[in-house]
Amino acid sequence: MAGGFRRGNRQRIPKLEGRGELQSMEREGPFKEWLGMPDLYRYYLQVDGEAYSYQTEDSELPVKVGDKVVFRYKETKAGKWVDRNSLGKAIDPSEYQ
């Protein structure tokens, strides 16, 4: 199948974007989901008073408490889950140089 090909005429739900100051971060794990899969760590993030969950193979995140962060997420019954590999520091162009 060619890349970007979609069946049907359904509208795609746009990704939600979160940004703000990382206020707290808790790590659980490592979890072994099944044989051969790398260890997974589950992080509970507090960004501007909102709670988010993030699951990754990395034992350390590239952000620290107090950093301005930006990420994509989806809302589920279990809460707000940050998309894998979308969490990063927000760059303010006025402070870049």
N, C-alpha and C. Protein backbone atom coordinates (compact mmCIF):
# COMPACT_ATOMS: atom_id res chain seq x y z
N MET A 1 0.83 -1.17 0.00
CA MET A 1 0.00 0.00 0.00
C MET A 1 0.88 1.24 0.00
N ALA A 2 0.48 2.24 -0.73
CA ALA A 2 1.25 3.48 -0.79
C ALA A 2 1.12 4.24 0.52
N GLY A 3 2.17 4.94 0.88
CA GLY A 3 2.15 5.71 2.13
C GLY A 3 1.11 6.82 2.07
N GLY A 4 0.42 7.03 3.15
CA GLY A 4 -0.57 8.11 3.21
C GLY A 4 -1.91 7.74 2.62
N PHE A 5 -2.06 6.51 2.17
CA PHE A 5 -3.33 6.09 1.57
C PHE A 5 -4.33 5.76 2.67
N ARG A 6 -5.54 6.30 2.56
CA ARG A 6 -6.56 6.03 3.57
C ARG A 6 -7.77 5.41 2.91
N ARG A 7 -8.33 4.41 3.56
CA ARG A 7 -9.56 3.81 3.08
C ARG A 7 -10.74 4.58 3.63
N GLY A 8 -11.79 4.65 2.86
CA GLY A 8 -12.99 5.32 3.34
C GLY A 8 -12.84 6.82 3.30
N ASN A 9 -13.85 7.47 3.78
CA ASN A 9 -13.85 8.93 3.73
C ASN A 9 -13.93 9.52 5.12
N ARG A 10 -13.37 8.81 6.10
CA ARG A 10 -13.45 9.27 7.49
C ARG A 10 -12.47 10.40 7.74
N GLN A 11 -12.90 11.36 8.51
CA GLN A 11 -12.01 12.45 8.90
C GLN A 11 -11.09 11.97 10.01
N ARG A 12 -9.83 12.32 9.92
CA ARG A 12 -8.88 11.94 10.95
C ARG A 12 -9.00 12.91 12.13
N ILE A 13 -8.99 12.38 13.34
CA ILE A 13 -9.06 13.21 14.52
C ILE A 13 -7.69 13.87 14.72
N PRO A 14 -7.65 15.19 14.79
CA PRO A 14 -6.35 15.84 14.96
C PRO A 14 -5.75 15.53 16.33
N LYS A 15 -4.41 15.50 16.38
CA LYS A 15 -3.72 15.26 17.64
C LYS A 15 -3.87 16.49 18.53
N LEU A 16 -3.97 16.24 19.81
CA LEU A 16 -4.03 17.33 20.78
C LEU A 16 -2.60 17.69 21.17
N GLU A 17 -2.36 18.96 21.41
CA GLU A 17 -1.01 19.40 21.77
C GLU A 17 -1.04 20.02 23.15
N GLY A 18 -0.08 19.62 23.96
CA GLY A 18 0.05 20.19 25.30
C GLY A 18 1.37 20.92 25.42
N ARG A 19 1.36 21.97 26.19
CA ARG A 19 2.60 22.69 26.47
C ARG A 19 2.47 23.40 27.80
N GLY A 20 3.58 23.62 28.43
CA GLY A 20 3.59 24.31 29.72
C GLY A 20 4.82 23.94 30.52
N GLU A 21 4.79 24.30 31.79
CA GLU A 21 5.93 24.03 32.66
C GLU A 21 5.74 22.69 33.36
N LEU A 22 6.77 21.86 33.30
CA LEU A 22 6.76 20.56 33.96
C LEU A 22 6.91 20.78 35.46
N GLN A 23 5.84 20.47 36.23
CA GLN A 23 5.85 20.75 37.66
C GLN A 23 6.32 19.57 38.49
N SER A 24 5.98 18.34 38.06
CA SER A 24 6.47 17.16 38.79
C SER A 24 6.54 15.98 37.84
N MET A 25 7.35 14.99 38.24
CA MET A 25 7.55 13.81 37.40
C MET A 25 7.82 12.62 38.32
N GLU A 26 7.07 11.54 38.12
CA GLU A 26 7.26 10.30 38.89
C GLU A 26 7.49 9.16 37.92
N ARG A 27 8.39 8.23 38.28
CA ARG A 27 8.69 7.10 37.41
C ARG A 27 8.30 5.80 38.09
N GLU A 28 7.71 4.89 37.30
CA GLU A 28 7.43 3.53 37.75
C GLU A 28 8.11 2.57 36.80
N GLY A 29 8.52 1.44 37.32
CA GLY A 29 9.07 0.44 36.42
C GLY A 29 10.46 0.04 36.84
N PRO A 30 11.11 -0.76 36.05
CA PRO A 30 10.73 -1.17 34.69
C PRO A 30 9.68 -2.29 34.69
N PHE A 31 8.86 -2.28 33.66
CA PHE A 31 7.87 -3.32 33.45
C PHE A 31 8.29 -4.18 32.28
N LYS A 32 8.09 -5.48 32.40
CA LYS A 32 8.40 -6.42 31.32
C LYS A 32 7.05 -6.89 30.78
N GLU A 33 6.64 -6.35 29.62
CA GLU A 33 5.32 -6.68 29.06
C GLU A 33 5.29 -8.12 28.54
N TRP A 34 6.26 -8.48 27.69
CA TRP A 34 6.36 -9.85 27.22
C TRP A 34 7.79 -10.14 26.81
N LEU A 35 8.09 -11.40 26.61
CA LEU A 35 9.45 -11.85 26.33
C LEU A 35 10.00 -11.19 25.07
N GLY A 36 11.20 -10.68 25.14
CA GLY A 36 11.84 -10.07 23.99
C GLY A 36 11.57 -8.58 23.86
N MET A 37 10.62 -8.07 24.61
CA MET A 37 10.31 -6.65 24.54
C MET A 37 11.19 -5.91 25.56
N PRO A 38 11.69 -4.73 25.20
CA PRO A 38 12.53 -3.99 26.16
C PRO A 38 11.71 -3.55 27.37
N ASP A 39 12.42 -3.27 28.46
CA ASP A 39 11.75 -2.79 29.67
C ASP A 39 11.05 -1.47 29.39
N LEU A 40 9.86 -1.32 29.92
CA LEU A 40 9.11 -0.07 29.76
C LEU A 40 9.04 0.66 31.09
N TYR A 41 9.18 1.96 31.04
CA TYR A 41 9.04 2.81 32.21
C TYR A 41 7.80 3.67 32.02
N ARG A 42 7.03 3.83 33.08
CA ARG A 42 5.83 4.65 33.02
C ARG A 42 6.08 5.90 33.86
N TYR A 43 5.88 7.05 33.25
CA TYR A 43 6.08 8.33 33.92
C TYR A 43 4.74 9.01 34.13
N TYR A 44 4.57 9.63 35.28
CA TYR A 44 3.39 10.44 35.57
C TYR A 44 3.86 11.88 35.63
N LEU A 45 3.39 12.69 34.70
CA LEU A 45 3.84 14.06 34.57
C LEU A 45 2.73 15.02 34.99
N GLN A 46 3.12 16.11 35.62
CA GLN A 46 2.20 17.18 35.98
C GLN A 46 2.66 18.42 35.22
N VAL A 47 1.83 18.86 34.26
CA VAL A 47 2.18 20.01 33.43
C VAL A 47 1.08 21.05 33.60
N ASP A 48 1.43 22.20 34.17
CA ASP A 48 0.47 23.29 34.41
C ASP A 48 -0.81 22.80 35.09
N GLY A 49 -0.67 21.95 36.09
CA GLY A 49 -1.81 21.48 36.86
C GLY A 49 -2.57 20.31 36.25
N GLU A 50 -2.21 19.88 35.04
CA GLU A 50 -2.87 18.74 34.38
C GLU A 50 -1.98 17.50 34.52
N ALA A 51 -2.63 16.35 34.71
CA ALA A 51 -1.89 15.08 34.86
C ALA A 51 -1.83 14.34 33.52
N TYR A 52 -0.65 13.84 33.16
CA TYR A 52 -0.43 13.09 31.93
C TYR A 52 0.38 11.83 32.26
N SER A 53 0.22 10.80 31.44
CA SER A 53 1.02 9.58 31.56
C SER A 53 1.87 9.43 30.30
N TYR A 54 3.06 8.89 30.47
CA TYR A 54 4.00 8.72 29.35
C TYR A 54 4.71 7.39 29.54
N GLN A 55 4.78 6.59 28.49
CA GLN A 55 5.42 5.27 28.57
C GLN A 55 6.53 5.20 27.53
N THR A 56 7.72 4.79 27.96
CA THR A 56 8.87 4.75 27.07
C THR A 56 9.89 3.71 27.55
N GLU A 57 10.85 3.38 26.68
CA GLU A 57 11.92 2.46 27.05
C GLU A 57 13.05 3.17 27.79
N ASP A 58 13.06 4.50 27.75
CA ASP A 58 14.15 5.27 28.35
C ASP A 58 14.01 5.35 29.86
N SER A 59 15.10 5.08 30.56
CA SER A 59 15.07 5.16 32.02
C SER A 59 15.17 6.61 32.50
N GLU A 60 15.65 7.51 31.63
CA GLU A 60 15.74 8.93 31.96
C GLU A 60 15.08 9.73 30.84
N LEU A 61 14.36 10.78 31.21
CA LEU A 61 13.70 11.63 30.22
C LEU A 61 14.62 12.80 29.85
N PRO A 62 14.44 13.35 28.63
CA PRO A 62 15.28 14.48 28.21
C PRO A 62 14.86 15.81 28.83
N VAL A 63 13.84 15.80 29.69
CA VAL A 63 13.37 17.03 30.33
C VAL A 63 13.48 16.89 31.85
N LYS A 64 13.55 18.04 32.53
CA LYS A 64 13.63 18.07 33.99
C LYS A 64 12.47 18.89 34.53
N VAL A 65 12.20 18.74 35.81
CA VAL A 65 11.18 19.55 36.47
C VAL A 65 11.59 21.02 36.36
N GLY A 66 10.65 21.86 35.96
CA GLY A 66 10.93 23.29 35.77
C GLY A 66 11.10 23.67 34.32
N ASP A 67 11.34 22.69 33.42
CA ASP A 67 11.49 22.97 31.99
C ASP A 67 10.14 23.29 31.36
N LYS A 68 10.16 24.12 30.33
CA LYS A 68 8.98 24.32 29.49
C LYS A 68 8.96 23.18 28.49
N VAL A 69 7.85 22.42 28.44
CA VAL A 69 7.77 21.25 27.59
C VAL A 69 6.63 21.39 26.58
N VAL A 70 6.73 20.60 25.51
CA VAL A 70 5.69 20.54 24.49
C VAL A 70 5.56 19.07 24.07
N PHE A 71 4.34 18.64 23.75
CA PHE A 71 4.10 17.23 23.41
C PHE A 71 2.74 17.08 22.75
N ARG A 72 2.54 15.91 22.11
CA ARG A 72 1.24 15.51 21.58
C ARG A 72 0.65 14.47 22.52
N TYR A 73 -0.68 14.48 22.65
CA TYR A 73 -1.30 13.49 23.53
C TYR A 73 -2.68 13.12 23.03
N LYS A 74 -3.23 12.04 23.60
CA LYS A 74 -4.60 11.65 23.32
C LYS A 74 -5.32 11.39 24.63
N GLU A 75 -6.60 11.67 24.62
CA GLU A 75 -7.41 11.45 25.82
C GLU A 75 -8.06 10.08 25.73
N THR A 76 -7.92 9.28 26.79
CA THR A 76 -8.53 7.95 26.86
C THR A 76 -9.32 7.85 28.15
N LYS A 77 -9.97 6.72 28.33
CA LYS A 77 -10.71 6.50 29.59
C LYS A 77 -9.76 6.50 30.78
N ALA A 78 -8.53 6.01 30.56
CA ALA A 78 -7.54 5.91 31.64
C ALA A 78 -6.84 7.24 31.91
N GLY A 79 -7.12 8.28 31.14
CA GLY A 79 -6.48 9.58 31.35
C GLY A 79 -5.86 10.10 30.06
N LYS A 80 -4.94 11.01 30.20
CA LYS A 80 -4.28 11.63 29.05
C LYS A 80 -2.92 10.98 28.87
N TRP A 81 -2.68 10.38 27.68
CA TRP A 81 -1.44 9.68 27.39
C TRP A 81 -0.63 10.45 26.36
N VAL A 82 0.61 10.75 26.71
CA VAL A 82 1.53 11.44 25.81
C VAL A 82 2.02 10.46 24.75
N ASP A 83 2.00 10.88 23.48
CA ASP A 83 2.48 10.04 22.38
C ASP A 83 3.97 9.77 22.54
N ARG A 84 4.36 8.57 22.16
CA ARG A 84 5.76 8.17 22.25
C ARG A 84 6.62 9.07 21.37
N ASN A 85 7.76 9.44 21.87
CA ASN A 85 8.76 10.27 21.18
C ASN A 85 8.26 11.67 20.83
N SER A 86 7.23 12.17 21.50
CA SER A 86 6.77 13.52 21.19
C SER A 86 7.10 14.51 22.31
N LEU A 87 7.61 14.02 23.43
CA LEU A 87 7.90 14.89 24.57
C LEU A 87 9.26 15.56 24.39
N GLY A 88 9.29 16.89 24.52
CA GLY A 88 10.56 17.60 24.38
C GLY A 88 10.49 18.98 25.00
N LYS A 89 11.63 19.64 25.05
CA LYS A 89 11.69 21.00 25.57
C LYS A 89 11.12 21.96 24.54
N ALA A 90 10.33 22.92 25.02
CA ALA A 90 9.82 23.98 24.14
C ALA A 90 10.90 25.04 24.00
N ILE A 91 11.14 25.48 22.77
CA ILE A 91 12.17 26.49 22.51
C ILE A 91 11.49 27.82 22.30
N ASP A 92 11.86 28.79 23.11
CA ASP A 92 11.35 30.15 22.97
C ASP A 92 12.32 30.90 22.07
N PRO A 93 11.87 31.37 20.89
CA PRO A 93 12.80 32.04 19.95
C PRO A 93 13.47 33.27 20.54
N SER A 94 12.82 33.95 21.44
CA SER A 94 13.43 35.17 22.02
C SER A 94 14.59 34.84 22.95
N GLU A 95 14.61 33.63 23.51
CA GLU A 95 15.69 33.23 24.42
C GLU A 95 16.71 32.32 23.74
N TYR A 96 16.57 32.08 22.45
CA TYR A 96 17.37 31.07 21.77
C TYR A 96 18.84 31.46 21.66
N GLN A 97 19.14 32.73 21.45
CA GLN A 97 20.51 33.13 21.22
C GLN A 97 21.20 33.36 22.48
